[in-house]
């Protein structure tokens, strides 16, 4: 587990952009129990460089530039809120654990998943372009 003072700026990078932070497995379960219609974006945040350099900036850029965006945007933090992340990953099956990662759900079903290996080595602009196309298709 990482110290809160270390990850606070990384968490706030998304929460100040409007992401709802899910810190407990109950919050994750309640979200999926209640959000059965529409689109939901869930970002598994991380302390790694590809989260800071590509994933977080890319997803924020996509949300700013896309004509269509998910109805709800949420995040869990790997290495910080362990139980919440474990619960969130149940909804991302059959994909293996990946941090960072970006999952899009439509009407309660996982429709698109961006794994860490799709984020590493790509720029924020590349991630944003990819997500904008995904949002256009599903949102």
Protein backbone atom coordinates (compact mmCIF):
# COMPACT_ATOMS: atom_id res chain seq x y z
CA UNK A 1 0.00 0.00 0.00
CA UNK A 2 1.22 3.47 -0.86
CA UNK A 3 1.09 6.34 1.64
CA UNK A 4 -1.91 8.62 1.14
CA UNK A 5 0.24 11.76 0.90
CA UNK A 6 2.09 10.18 -2.05
CA UNK A 7 -1.00 9.23 -4.04
CA UNK A 8 -3.25 12.18 -3.18
CA UNK A 9 -2.12 14.30 -6.17
CA UNK A 10 -2.52 11.28 -8.46
CA UNK A 11 -6.05 10.67 -7.17
CA UNK A 12 -6.93 14.34 -7.44
CA UNK A 13 -5.73 14.35 -11.04
CA UNK A 14 -8.91 12.41 -11.84
CA UNK A 15 -11.30 13.52 -9.10
CA UNK A 16 -10.82 17.20 -9.94
CA UNK A 17 -11.75 16.27 -13.51
CA UNK A 18 -15.08 14.89 -12.27
CA UNK A 19 -14.28 11.23 -11.62
CA UNK A 20 -16.02 9.61 -8.68
CA UNK A 21 -13.45 7.80 -6.55
CA UNK A 22 -14.54 4.38 -5.31
CA UNK A 23 -12.64 3.44 -2.17
CA UNK A 24 -14.49 0.37 -0.88
CA UNK A 25 -15.81 -2.84 -2.41
CA UNK A 26 -19.29 -1.80 -1.27
CA UNK A 27 -19.06 1.42 -3.28
CA UNK A 28 -18.01 -0.56 -6.36
CA UNK A 29 -20.80 -3.11 -5.93
CA UNK A 30 -23.40 -0.37 -5.33
CA UNK A 31 -22.28 1.43 -8.48
CA UNK A 32 -22.75 -1.66 -10.62
CA UNK A 33 -26.02 -2.55 -8.89
CA UNK A 34 -27.44 0.92 -9.57
CA UNK A 35 -25.90 1.73 -12.96
CA UNK A 36 -27.52 -0.84 -15.26
CA UNK A 37 -28.39 1.56 -18.11
CA UNK A 38 -26.12 3.88 -20.03
CA UNK A 39 -22.35 4.02 -20.20
CA UNK A 40 -19.88 3.93 -17.35
CA UNK A 41 -16.13 4.53 -17.53
CA UNK A 42 -13.93 3.01 -14.84
CA UNK A 43 -10.24 3.92 -14.69
CA UNK A 44 -7.92 1.79 -12.59
CA UNK A 45 -5.46 4.46 -11.49
CA UNK A 46 -1.85 3.71 -10.65
CA UNK A 47 1.36 5.34 -9.43
CA UNK A 48 3.31 4.15 -12.46
CA UNK A 49 4.76 6.45 -15.08
CA UNK A 50 2.41 5.30 -17.83
CA UNK A 51 -0.56 6.32 -15.66
CA UNK A 52 0.91 9.78 -15.14
CA UNK A 53 2.22 10.27 -18.66
CA UNK A 54 -0.45 8.62 -20.79
CA UNK A 55 -3.47 7.09 -19.04
CA UNK A 56 -4.71 9.96 -16.86
CA UNK A 57 -3.91 12.74 -19.34
CA UNK A 58 -5.26 10.66 -22.22
CA UNK A 59 -8.58 9.85 -20.61
CA UNK A 60 -9.07 13.47 -19.49
CA UNK A 61 -8.26 14.73 -22.99
CA UNK A 62 -10.68 12.25 -24.55
CA UNK A 63 -13.46 13.40 -22.24
CA UNK A 64 -12.76 17.06 -23.09
CA UNK A 65 -12.64 16.55 -26.85
CA UNK A 66 -15.14 13.78 -27.57
CA UNK A 67 -18.59 14.59 -28.89
CA UNK A 68 -20.02 11.59 -27.03
CA UNK A 69 -18.84 10.70 -23.54
CA UNK A 70 -19.78 8.13 -20.89
CA UNK A 71 -22.70 8.96 -18.62
CA UNK A 72 -20.65 8.29 -15.49
CA UNK A 73 -16.90 8.39 -14.87
CA UNK A 74 -15.32 6.60 -11.93
CA UNK A 75 -11.94 5.45 -10.66
CA UNK A 76 -10.31 3.01 -8.26
CA UNK A 77 -6.67 3.21 -7.21
CA UNK A 78 -4.48 0.10 -7.47
CA UNK A 79 -2.06 -0.30 -4.58
CA UNK A 80 -4.15 2.01 -2.41
CA UNK A 81 -7.75 0.80 -2.18
CA UNK A 82 -6.96 -2.88 -2.61
CA UNK A 83 -10.39 -4.31 -1.81
CA UNK A 84 -12.18 -1.82 -4.08
CA UNK A 85 -9.82 -2.70 -6.93
CA UNK A 86 -10.33 -6.43 -6.40
CA UNK A 87 -14.10 -5.91 -6.54
CA UNK A 88 -13.85 -3.70 -9.65
CA UNK A 89 -11.73 -6.31 -11.40
CA UNK A 90 -14.53 -8.84 -10.96
CA UNK A 91 -16.51 -6.76 -13.44
CA UNK A 92 -13.58 -6.66 -15.87
CA UNK A 93 -13.33 -10.41 -16.34
CA UNK A 94 -12.02 -12.20 -18.35
CA UNK A 95 -9.18 -9.66 -18.49
CA UNK A 96 -6.31 -10.20 -16.05
CA UNK A 97 -5.46 -7.51 -13.48
CA UNK A 98 -3.93 -4.51 -15.19
CA UNK A 99 -2.85 -1.18 -13.69
CA UNK A 100 -3.46 1.27 -15.09
CA UNK A 101 -6.40 0.24 -17.21
CA UNK A 102 -9.55 1.77 -18.61
CA UNK A 103 -12.88 -0.07 -18.81
CA UNK A 104 -16.06 1.03 -20.56
CA UNK A 105 -19.37 -0.56 -19.62
CA UNK A 106 -22.66 -0.20 -21.45
CA UNK A 107 -25.92 -1.26 -19.84
CA UNK A 108 -23.95 -3.12 -17.19
CA UNK A 109 -21.74 -5.10 -19.60
CA UNK A 110 -18.05 -4.60 -20.28
CA UNK A 111 -17.77 -3.45 -23.91
CA UNK A 112 -14.17 -2.20 -24.14
CA UNK A 113 -11.02 -2.64 -22.09
CA UNK A 114 -7.66 -0.90 -22.40
CA UNK A 115 -4.94 -2.88 -20.65
CA UNK A 116 -1.61 -1.55 -19.40
CA UNK A 117 0.23 -2.97 -22.41
CA UNK A 118 -2.06 -0.85 -24.63
CA UNK A 119 -1.07 2.24 -22.61
CA UNK A 120 2.69 1.75 -22.21
CA UNK A 121 4.71 3.50 -24.91
CA UNK A 122 1.76 5.50 -26.19
CA UNK A 123 1.23 9.22 -25.80
CA UNK A 124 -1.72 10.82 -24.06
CA UNK A 125 -2.89 12.00 -27.49
CA UNK A 126 -2.85 8.42 -28.81
CA UNK A 127 -4.84 7.19 -25.80
CA UNK A 128 -7.30 10.06 -26.23
CA UNK A 129 -7.78 9.38 -29.95
CA UNK A 130 -8.45 5.72 -29.21
CA UNK A 131 -10.93 6.50 -26.43
CA UNK A 132 -12.77 9.08 -28.52
CA UNK A 133 -13.38 6.41 -31.18
CA UNK A 134 -14.58 4.00 -28.47
CA UNK A 135 -16.90 6.66 -26.99
CA UNK A 136 -18.28 7.40 -30.46
CA UNK A 137 -19.12 3.74 -30.92
CA UNK A 138 -20.64 2.98 -27.53
CA UNK A 139 -21.83 6.22 -25.91
